[in-house]
C-alpha cells in the first residue's frame, strides 16, 4: 500500500470512528424521549445530505489530484511529513482500534466480573488518552500544520478551478454542519 493510501486509510478510519460516536450519541438522544424523534429524523436527513456532499467533494478532489501533478506532489510531501511525525510520537490509530475491539470483546464476555470490567474501562481510557496526547503533539507541530494549511488552500483553489460548483458544495456543507450542532 502506498503512503498516500495509508494516510487516506488512517484518515477515513478516524472519521468513521468519529461518525460512529456521533451516531451513538444521536441514537441515545433519540431514545431518550418521544419528543426527540422528529429531531432524530431531521438529524438523519442532514447527515445523509452531508454524506452526499462529502462524496461529491471527494470525487472532485480525486479528479483534481489526477489532473494536477504538482498538487499530488504537495499532498505526498505532507503525508510523508505527517507519517514521520506520527511515527516519531508513536501515533498508531490502527493499534488503538484493535485494542479497543479487544477490550470491547472482553467487556461483553459472559464471565467478566465487575472488577475486570472496571479494569478494562480504565485500560481503554488510558489508551484513548495516550492516543489523544499523541495526536495533540502532532497537531502542535507548527511546520506540519503550516504544510497542511498550504495543502488545504492549494487543494481548494485547484478544486474550484477544476469544478466551479466546489465553492457552492463547501458552502452547503458548512450550513448543514452548523445545523447539526
Protein backbone atom coordinates (compact mmCIF):
# COMPACT_ATOMS: atom_id res chain seq x y z
CA UNK A 1 0.00 0.00 0.00
CA UNK A 2 1.38 3.46 -0.90
CA UNK A 3 1.95 6.22 1.63
CA UNK A 4 -1.00 8.10 0.18
CA UNK A 5 -3.30 5.11 0.60
CA UNK A 6 -2.04 4.52 4.15
CA UNK A 7 -2.65 8.15 5.11
CA UNK A 8 -6.07 8.10 3.49
CA UNK A 9 -7.00 4.84 5.22
CA UNK A 10 -5.98 6.20 8.61
CA UNK A 11 -7.88 9.42 7.96
CA UNK A 12 -11.00 7.53 6.89
CA UNK A 13 -10.81 5.27 9.95
CA UNK A 14 -10.57 8.33 12.19
CA UNK A 15 -13.58 9.92 10.50
CA UNK A 16 -15.55 6.65 10.68
CA UNK A 17 -14.81 6.37 14.38
CA UNK A 18 -15.98 9.93 14.94
CA UNK A 19 -19.15 9.27 12.93
CA UNK A 20 -19.86 6.11 14.92
CA UNK A 21 -19.52 8.04 18.15
CA UNK A 22 -21.77 10.79 16.84
CA UNK A 23 -24.31 8.25 15.62
CA UNK A 24 -24.30 6.58 19.03
CA UNK A 25 -24.84 9.91 20.74
CA UNK A 26 -27.68 10.77 18.38
CA UNK A 27 -29.16 7.31 18.89
CA UNK A 28 -29.09 7.75 22.66
CA UNK A 29 -30.75 11.14 22.33
CA UNK A 30 -33.40 9.68 20.07
CA UNK A 31 -34.36 7.00 22.56
CA UNK A 32 -34.42 9.46 25.47
CA UNK A 33 -37.92 10.77 24.74
CA UNK A 34 -40.65 10.58 22.12
CA UNK A 35 -40.31 14.33 21.52
CA UNK A 36 -36.79 13.86 20.17
CA UNK A 37 -37.92 11.50 17.38
CA UNK A 38 -38.54 14.40 14.98
CA UNK A 39 -35.16 15.86 15.87
CA UNK A 40 -33.51 12.49 15.27
CA UNK A 41 -35.19 12.16 11.87
CA UNK A 42 -34.05 15.67 10.95
CA UNK A 43 -30.50 14.87 12.09
CA UNK A 44 -30.53 11.73 9.94
CA UNK A 45 -31.76 13.70 6.94
CA UNK A 46 -29.00 16.28 7.42
CA UNK A 47 -26.38 13.56 7.95
CA UNK A 48 -27.45 11.92 4.69
CA UNK A 49 -27.12 15.23 2.82
CA UNK A 50 -23.69 15.76 4.40
CA UNK A 51 -22.63 12.31 3.19
CA UNK A 52 -23.78 13.01 -0.36
CA UNK A 53 -21.93 16.34 -0.47
CA UNK A 54 -18.79 14.79 1.02
CA UNK A 55 -18.84 12.07 -1.64
CA UNK A 56 -19.24 14.63 -4.39
CA UNK A 57 -16.39 16.74 -2.99
CA UNK A 58 -14.19 13.65 -2.66
CA UNK A 59 -14.82 12.83 -6.33
CA UNK A 60 -13.94 16.39 -7.36
CA UNK A 61 -10.81 16.25 -5.20
CA UNK A 62 -9.75 12.94 -6.77
CA UNK A 63 -10.28 14.29 -10.29
CA UNK A 64 -8.37 17.45 -9.36
CA UNK A 65 -5.45 15.47 -7.97
CA UNK A 66 -5.32 13.31 -11.09
CA UNK A 67 -5.23 16.42 -13.27
CA UNK A 68 -2.67 18.26 -11.14
CA UNK A 69 0.69 16.51 -10.60
CA UNK A 70 2.10 19.47 -8.63
CA UNK A 71 -0.77 19.25 -6.14
CA UNK A 72 -0.32 15.46 -5.90
CA UNK A 73 3.34 16.01 -5.07
CA UNK A 74 2.43 18.58 -2.41
CA UNK A 75 -0.01 16.09 -0.90
CA UNK A 76 2.61 13.34 -0.87
CA UNK A 77 5.11 15.63 0.83
CA UNK A 78 2.57 16.49 3.52
CA UNK A 79 1.62 12.84 4.02
CA UNK A 80 5.28 11.86 4.41
CA UNK A 81 5.84 14.66 6.94
CA UNK A 82 2.70 13.63 8.83
CA UNK A 83 3.67 9.97 8.89
CA UNK A 84 7.20 10.83 10.04
CA UNK A 85 5.82 12.89 12.91
CA UNK A 86 3.25 10.19 13.73
CA UNK A 87 5.97 7.57 13.86
CA UNK A 88 8.15 9.85 15.98
CA UNK A 89 5.43 10.17 18.65
CA UNK A 90 4.20 6.57 18.33
CA UNK A 91 0.79 7.53 16.93
CA UNK A 92 -0.91 4.36 15.69
CA UNK A 93 -4.70 4.56 15.39
CA UNK A 94 -4.84 1.04 13.94
CA UNK A 95 -3.29 -0.39 17.10
CA UNK A 96 -5.70 1.67 19.19
CA UNK A 97 -8.70 0.39 17.22
CA UNK A 98 -7.50 -3.21 17.61
CA UNK A 99 -7.03 -2.69 21.35
CA UNK A 100 -10.46 -1.05 21.65
CA UNK A 101 -12.09 -4.01 19.89
CA UNK A 102 -10.24 -6.44 22.14
CA UNK A 103 -11.39 -4.56 25.24
CA UNK A 104 -14.95 -4.39 23.92
CA UNK A 105 -14.96 -8.16 23.33
CA UNK A 106 -13.66 -8.79 26.84
CA UNK A 107 -16.28 -6.47 28.32
CA UNK A 108 -19.03 -8.40 26.55
CA UNK A 109 -17.68 -11.79 27.56
CA UNK A 110 -20.07 -13.67 29.83
CA UNK A 111 -17.62 -14.40 32.64
CA UNK A 112 -16.21 -10.88 33.02
CA UNK A 113 -16.56 -9.64 36.60
CA UNK A 114 -17.34 -6.05 37.55
CA UNK A 115 -13.78 -5.68 38.81
CA UNK A 116 -12.42 -6.88 35.47
CA UNK A 117 -14.82 -4.56 33.65
CA UNK A 118 -13.61 -1.59 35.69
CA UNK A 119 -10.00 -2.52 34.90
CA UNK A 120 -10.79 -2.84 31.18
CA UNK A 121 -12.57 0.51 31.11
CA UNK A 122 -9.60 2.11 32.85
CA UNK A 123 -7.26 0.47 30.32
CA UNK A 124 -9.36 1.79 27.43
CA UNK A 125 -9.45 5.30 28.92
CA UNK A 126 -5.68 5.25 29.29
CA UNK A 127 -5.14 4.08 25.68
CA UNK A 128 -7.58 6.73 24.44
CA UNK A 129 -5.78 9.40 26.46
CA UNK A 130 -2.37 8.34 25.10
CA UNK A 131 -3.69 8.44 21.52
CA UNK A 132 -5.20 11.90 22.11
CA UNK A 133 -1.91 13.21 23.53
CA UNK A 134 -0.01 11.80 20.57
CA UNK A 135 -2.45 13.43 18.16
CA UNK A 136 -2.16 16.70 20.08
CA UNK A 137 1.63 16.51 19.77
CA UNK A 138 1.33 16.02 16.02
CA UNK A 139 -1.14 18.88 15.70
CA UNK A 140 1.10 21.21 17.71
CA UNK A 141 3.94 20.85 15.18
CA UNK A 142 3.76 24.29 13.54
CA UNK A 143 5.75 23.34 10.45
CA UNK A 144 3.47 20.38 9.81
CA UNK A 145 0.34 22.45 10.37
CA UNK A 146 1.67 25.12 8.00
CA UNK A 147 2.18 22.42 5.35
CA UNK A 148 -1.36 21.18 5.97
CA UNK A 149 -2.82 24.68 5.66
CA UNK A 150 -0.87 25.32 2.44
CA UNK A 151 -2.10 22.00 1.04
CA UNK A 152 -5.68 22.70 2.10
CA UNK A 153 -5.65 26.11 0.40
CA UNK A 154 -3.96 24.79 -2.76
CA UNK A 155 -6.42 21.90 -2.94
CA UNK A 156 -9.43 24.20 -2.53
CA UNK A 157 -8.17 26.57 -5.21
CA UNK A 158 -7.42 23.71 -7.61
CA UNK A 159 -10.81 22.10 -6.93
CA UNK A 160 -12.70 25.35 -7.59
CA UNK A 161 -10.78 25.78 -10.87
CA UNK A 162 -11.47 22.16 -11.83
CA UNK A 163 -15.16 22.27 -10.93
CA UNK A 164 -16.84 25.63 -10.22
CA UNK A 165 -19.60 24.04 -8.09
CA UNK A 166 -16.96 23.20 -5.44
CA UNK A 167 -17.45 26.54 -3.69
CA UNK A 168 -21.23 26.04 -3.51
CA UNK A 169 -20.80 22.48 -2.21
CA UNK A 170 -18.48 23.64 0.57
CA UNK A 171 -20.97 26.40 1.45
CA UNK A 172 -23.82 23.90 1.64
CA UNK A 173 -21.71 21.51 3.68
CA UNK A 174 -20.84 24.26 6.14
CA UNK A 175 -24.51 25.20 6.56
CA UNK A 176 -25.54 21.60 7.14
CA UNK A 177 -22.79 21.03 9.71
CA UNK A 178 -23.93 24.14 11.58
CA UNK A 179 -27.49 22.76 11.62
CA UNK A 180 -26.23 19.53 13.17
CA UNK A 181 -24.71 21.34 16.14
